[in-house]
Amino acid sequence: MKGHGEKKSRKAEEFITALLSHPTIEAAAKAVGISNATAWRWIQDPEVGKEYARARRRAMEHATARIQEAAGEAVECLREVQRSGESESARVSAARTILDTAFKAADLEDVQARLDALEQAIKDKGAR
């Protein structure tokens, strides 16, 4: 029976990976060779749900890192448009985009600092 559980675990991992790259549960199931009924049963399994959530979080972290890598180039592009003087509306749009993004980044940093402080307070309280 142990071998069967290992096969299910491996297939479940493949299914979770497929969920990240296929538009539907049915398509992900077909991609890994399991039935739709099995796929839906696994989706309802709390452990599979937790693993899927972790996989989605890792995928988003990877995507965020790629966006951050491209951010410098994007800002330079916006600044070139802003400085070009060709189109007033393009310059205003670029300036607005830069400012909006700067404000959002500042807000995110503030939220992160507050979250870090709360987590530290919880740790300190638990250590007592």
C-alpha atoms as a PDB file:
ATOM      1  CA  MET A   1       0.000   0.000   0.000  1.00  0.00           C
ATOM      2  CA  LYS A   2       2.942   2.322   0.653  1.00  0.00           C
ATOM      3  CA  GLY A   3       3.867   2.270  -3.017  1.00  0.00           C
ATOM      4  CA  HIS A   4       0.341   3.294  -3.993  1.00  0.00           C
ATOM      5  CA  GLY A   5       0.480   6.284  -1.618  1.00  0.00           C
ATOM      6  CA  GLU A   6       3.793   7.391  -3.095  1.00  0.00           C
ATOM      7  CA  LYS A   7       2.292   7.229  -6.585  1.00  0.00           C
ATOM      8  CA  LYS A   8      -0.694   9.316  -5.469  1.00  0.00           C
ATOM      9  CA  SER A   9       1.626  11.829  -3.802  1.00  0.00           C
ATOM     10  CA  ARG A  10       3.712  12.146  -6.963  1.00  0.00           C
ATOM     11  CA  LYS A  11       0.597  12.480  -9.119  1.00  0.00           C
ATOM     12  CA  ALA A  12      -0.878  15.025  -6.711  1.00  0.00           C
ATOM     13  CA  GLU A  13       2.321  17.094  -6.983  1.00  0.00           C
ATOM     14  CA  GLU A  14       2.135  16.871 -10.779  1.00  0.00           C
ATOM     15  CA  PHE A  15      -1.518  17.900 -10.626  1.00  0.00           C
ATOM     16  CA  ILE A  16      -0.727  20.927  -8.448  1.00  0.00           C
ATOM     17  CA  THR A  17       1.970  21.988 -10.904  1.00  0.00           C
ATOM     18  CA  ALA A  18      -0.447  21.506 -13.790  1.00  0.00           C
ATOM     19  CA  LEU A  19      -3.040  23.677 -12.028  1.00  0.00           C
ATOM     20  CA  LEU A  20      -0.582  26.562 -12.226  1.00  0.00           C
ATOM     21  CA  SER A  21      -0.284  26.355 -15.996  1.00  0.00           C
ATOM     22  CA  HIS A  22      -3.695  25.169 -17.190  1.00  0.00           C
ATOM     23  CA  PRO A  23      -6.865  27.265 -17.302  1.00  0.00           C
ATOM     24  CA  THR A  24      -9.193  24.684 -15.720  1.00  0.00           C
ATOM     25  CA  ILE A  25      -9.121  21.823 -13.256  1.00  0.00           C
ATOM     26  CA  GLU A  26     -10.232  19.503 -16.050  1.00  0.00           C
ATOM     27  CA  ALA A  27      -7.339  20.587 -18.288  1.00  0.00           C
ATOM     28  CA  ALA A  28      -4.848  20.099 -15.449  1.00  0.00           C
ATOM     29  CA  ALA A  29      -6.288  16.649 -14.740  1.00  0.00           C
ATOM     30  CA  LYS A  30      -6.016  15.653 -18.389  1.00  0.00           C
ATOM     31  CA  ALA A  31      -2.422  16.925 -18.528  1.00  0.00           C
ATOM     32  CA  VAL A  32      -1.340  14.597 -15.715  1.00  0.00           C
ATOM     33  CA  GLY A  33      -3.554  11.675 -16.687  1.00  0.00           C
ATOM     34  CA  ILE A  34      -6.067  11.592 -13.849  1.00  0.00           C
ATOM     35  CA  SER A  35      -9.841  11.598 -14.001  1.00  0.00           C
ATOM     36  CA  ASN A  36     -11.903  14.706 -13.387  1.00  0.00           C
ATOM     37  CA  ALA A  37     -13.464  12.996 -10.379  1.00  0.00           C
ATOM     38  CA  THR A  38     -10.024  12.415  -8.858  1.00  0.00           C
ATOM     39  CA  ALA A  39      -9.021  15.991  -9.591  1.00  0.00           C
ATOM     40  CA  TRP A  40     -12.095  17.381  -7.877  1.00  0.00           C
ATOM     41  CA  ARG A  41     -11.612  15.043  -4.900  1.00  0.00           C
ATOM     42  CA  TRP A  42      -8.004  16.207  -4.557  1.00  0.00           C
ATOM     43  CA  ILE A  43      -9.024  19.866  -4.831  1.00  0.00           C
ATOM     44  CA  GLN A  44     -11.257  19.343  -1.788  1.00  0.00           C
ATOM     45  CA  ASP A  45      -8.461  17.649   0.190  1.00  0.00           C
ATOM     46  CA  PRO A  46      -7.098  20.192   2.724  1.00  0.00           C
ATOM     47  CA  GLU A  47      -3.501  18.999   2.275  1.00  0.00           C
ATOM     48  CA  VAL A  48      -3.671  19.358  -1.494  1.00  0.00           C
ATOM     49  CA  GLY A  49      -5.264  22.765  -0.974  1.00  0.00           C
ATOM     50  CA  LYS A  50      -2.389  23.838   1.276  1.00  0.00           C
ATOM     51  CA  GLU A  51       0.205  22.602  -1.211  1.00  0.00           C
ATOM     52  CA  TYR A  52      -1.607  24.338  -4.064  1.00  0.00           C
ATOM     53  CA  ALA A  53      -1.696  27.582  -2.061  1.00  0.00           C
ATOM     54  CA  ARG A  54       2.061  27.267  -1.382  1.00  0.00           C
ATOM     55  CA  ALA A  55       2.743  26.595  -5.058  1.00  0.00           C
ATOM     56  CA  ARG A  56       0.668  29.618  -6.090  1.00  0.00           C
ATOM     57  CA  ARG A  57       2.487  31.771  -3.542  1.00  0.00           C
ATOM     58  CA  ARG A  58       5.876  30.606  -4.880  1.00  0.00           C
ATOM     59  CA  ALA A  59       4.728  31.304  -8.450  1.00  0.00           C
ATOM     60  CA  MET A  60       3.618  34.804  -7.452  1.00  0.00           C
ATOM     61  CA  GLU A  61       6.904  35.432  -5.639  1.00  0.00           C
ATOM     62  CA  HIS A  62       8.755  34.406  -8.799  1.00  0.00           C
ATOM     63  CA  ALA A  63       6.563  36.641 -10.964  1.00  0.00           C
ATOM     64  CA  THR A  64       7.034  39.542  -8.534  1.00  0.00           C
ATOM     65  CA  ALA A  65      10.798  39.098  -8.645  1.00  0.00           C
ATOM     66  CA  ARG A  66      10.709  39.192 -12.457  1.00  0.00           C
ATOM     67  CA  ILE A  67       8.613  42.363 -12.373  1.00  0.00           C
ATOM     68  CA  GLN A  68      11.039  43.942  -9.932  1.00  0.00           C
ATOM     69  CA  GLU A  69      13.941  43.029 -12.219  1.00  0.00           C
ATOM     70  CA  ALA A  70      12.198  44.852 -15.085  1.00  0.00           C
ATOM     71  CA  ALA A  71      11.128  47.832 -12.974  1.00  0.00           C
ATOM     72  CA  GLY A  72      14.317  49.792 -13.567  1.00  0.00           C
ATOM     73  CA  GLU A  73      13.914  49.565 -17.335  1.00  0.00           C
ATOM     74  CA  ALA A  74      10.238  50.487 -17.068  1.00  0.00           C
ATOM     75  CA  VAL A  75      11.016  53.577 -15.014  1.00  0.00           C
ATOM     76  CA  GLU A  76      13.688  54.607 -17.518  1.00  0.00           C
ATOM     77  CA  CYS A  77      11.180  54.179 -20.340  1.00  0.00           C
ATOM     78  CA  LEU A  78       8.650  56.345 -18.497  1.00  0.00           C
ATOM     79  CA  ARG A  79      11.302  58.944 -17.780  1.00  0.00           C
ATOM     80  CA  GLU A  80      12.307  59.033 -21.461  1.00  0.00           C
ATOM     81  CA  VAL A  81       8.685  59.612 -22.426  1.00  0.00           C
ATOM     82  CA  GLN A  82       8.396  62.245 -19.729  1.00  0.00           C
ATOM     83  CA  ARG A  83      11.512  64.075 -20.970  1.00  0.00           C
ATOM     84  CA  SER A  84      10.806  63.656 -24.693  1.00  0.00           C
ATOM     85  CA  GLY A  85       8.583  66.677 -25.023  1.00  0.00           C
ATOM     86  CA  GLU A  86       6.795  65.140 -28.012  1.00  0.00           C
ATOM     87  CA  SER A  87       3.379  64.716 -26.482  1.00  0.00           C
ATOM     88  CA  GLU A  88       2.077  66.565 -23.468  1.00  0.00           C
ATOM     89  CA  SER A  89      -0.457  63.822 -22.733  1.00  0.00           C
ATOM     90  CA  ALA A  90       2.251  61.139 -22.892  1.00  0.00           C
ATOM     91  CA  ARG A  91       4.463  63.175 -20.551  1.00  0.00           C
ATOM     92  CA  VAL A  92       1.612  63.681 -18.083  1.00  0.00           C
ATOM     93  CA  SER A  93       0.675  60.008 -18.275  1.00  0.00           C
ATOM     94  CA  ALA A  94       4.285  58.942 -17.636  1.00  0.00           C
ATOM     95  CA  ALA A  95       4.594  61.348 -14.706  1.00  0.00           C
ATOM     96  CA  ARG A  96       1.308  60.128 -13.242  1.00  0.00           C
ATOM     97  CA  THR A  97       2.403  56.499 -13.593  1.00  0.00           C
ATOM     98  CA  ILE A  98       5.723  57.205 -11.881  1.00  0.00           C
ATOM     99  CA  LEU A  99       4.024  59.052  -9.020  1.00  0.00           C
ATOM    100  CA  ASP A 100       1.273  56.444  -8.583  1.00  0.00           C
ATOM    101  CA  THR A 101       3.842  53.667  -8.470  1.00  0.00           C
ATOM    102  CA  ALA A 102       6.033  55.594  -6.028  1.00  0.00           C
ATOM    103  CA  PHE A 103       3.080  56.170  -3.706  1.00  0.00           C
ATOM    104  CA  LYS A 104       2.066  52.515  -3.865  1.00  0.00           C
ATOM    105  CA  ALA A 105       5.633  51.429  -3.119  1.00  0.00           C
ATOM    106  CA  ALA A 106       5.764  53.761  -0.123  1.00  0.00           C
ATOM    107  CA  ASP A 107       2.442  52.404   1.133  1.00  0.00           C
ATOM    108  CA  LEU A 108       3.665  48.840   0.703  1.00  0.00           C
ATOM    109  CA  GLU A 109       6.850  49.592   2.625  1.00  0.00           C
ATOM    110  CA  ASP A 110       4.768  51.134   5.421  1.00  0.00           C
ATOM    111  CA  VAL A 111       2.471  48.100   5.588  1.00  0.00           C
ATOM    112  CA  GLN A 112       5.492  45.766   5.604  1.00  0.00           C
ATOM    113  CA  ALA A 113       7.120  47.713   8.454  1.00  0.00           C
ATOM    114  CA  ARG A 114       3.895  47.598  10.456  1.00  0.00           C
ATOM    115  CA  LEU A 115       3.515  43.873   9.799  1.00  0.00           C
ATOM    116  CA  ASP A 116       7.110  43.239  10.859  1.00  0.00           C
ATOM    117  CA  ALA A 117       6.491  45.188  14.086  1.00  0.00           C
ATOM    118  CA  LEU A 118       3.324  43.200  14.815  1.00  0.00           C
ATOM    119  CA  GLU A 119       5.081  39.893  14.177  1.00  0.00           C
ATOM    120  CA  GLN A 120       7.925  40.935  16.480  1.00  0.00           C
ATOM    121  CA  ALA A 121       5.441  41.968  19.187  1.00  0.00           C
ATOM    122  CA  ILE A 122       3.729  38.578  18.933  1.00  0.00           C
ATOM    123  CA  LYS A 123       7.099  36.784  19.178  1.00  0.00           C
ATOM    124  CA  ASP A 124       8.097  38.923  22.174  1.00  0.00           C
ATOM    125  CA  LYS A 125       4.790  38.244  23.905  1.00  0.00           C
ATOM    126  CA  GLY A 126       5.128  34.492  23.259  1.00  0.00           C
ATOM    127  CA  ALA A 127       8.673  34.484  24.674  1.00  0.00           C
ATOM    128  CA  ARG A 128       7.474  35.748  28.055  1.00  0.00           C
END
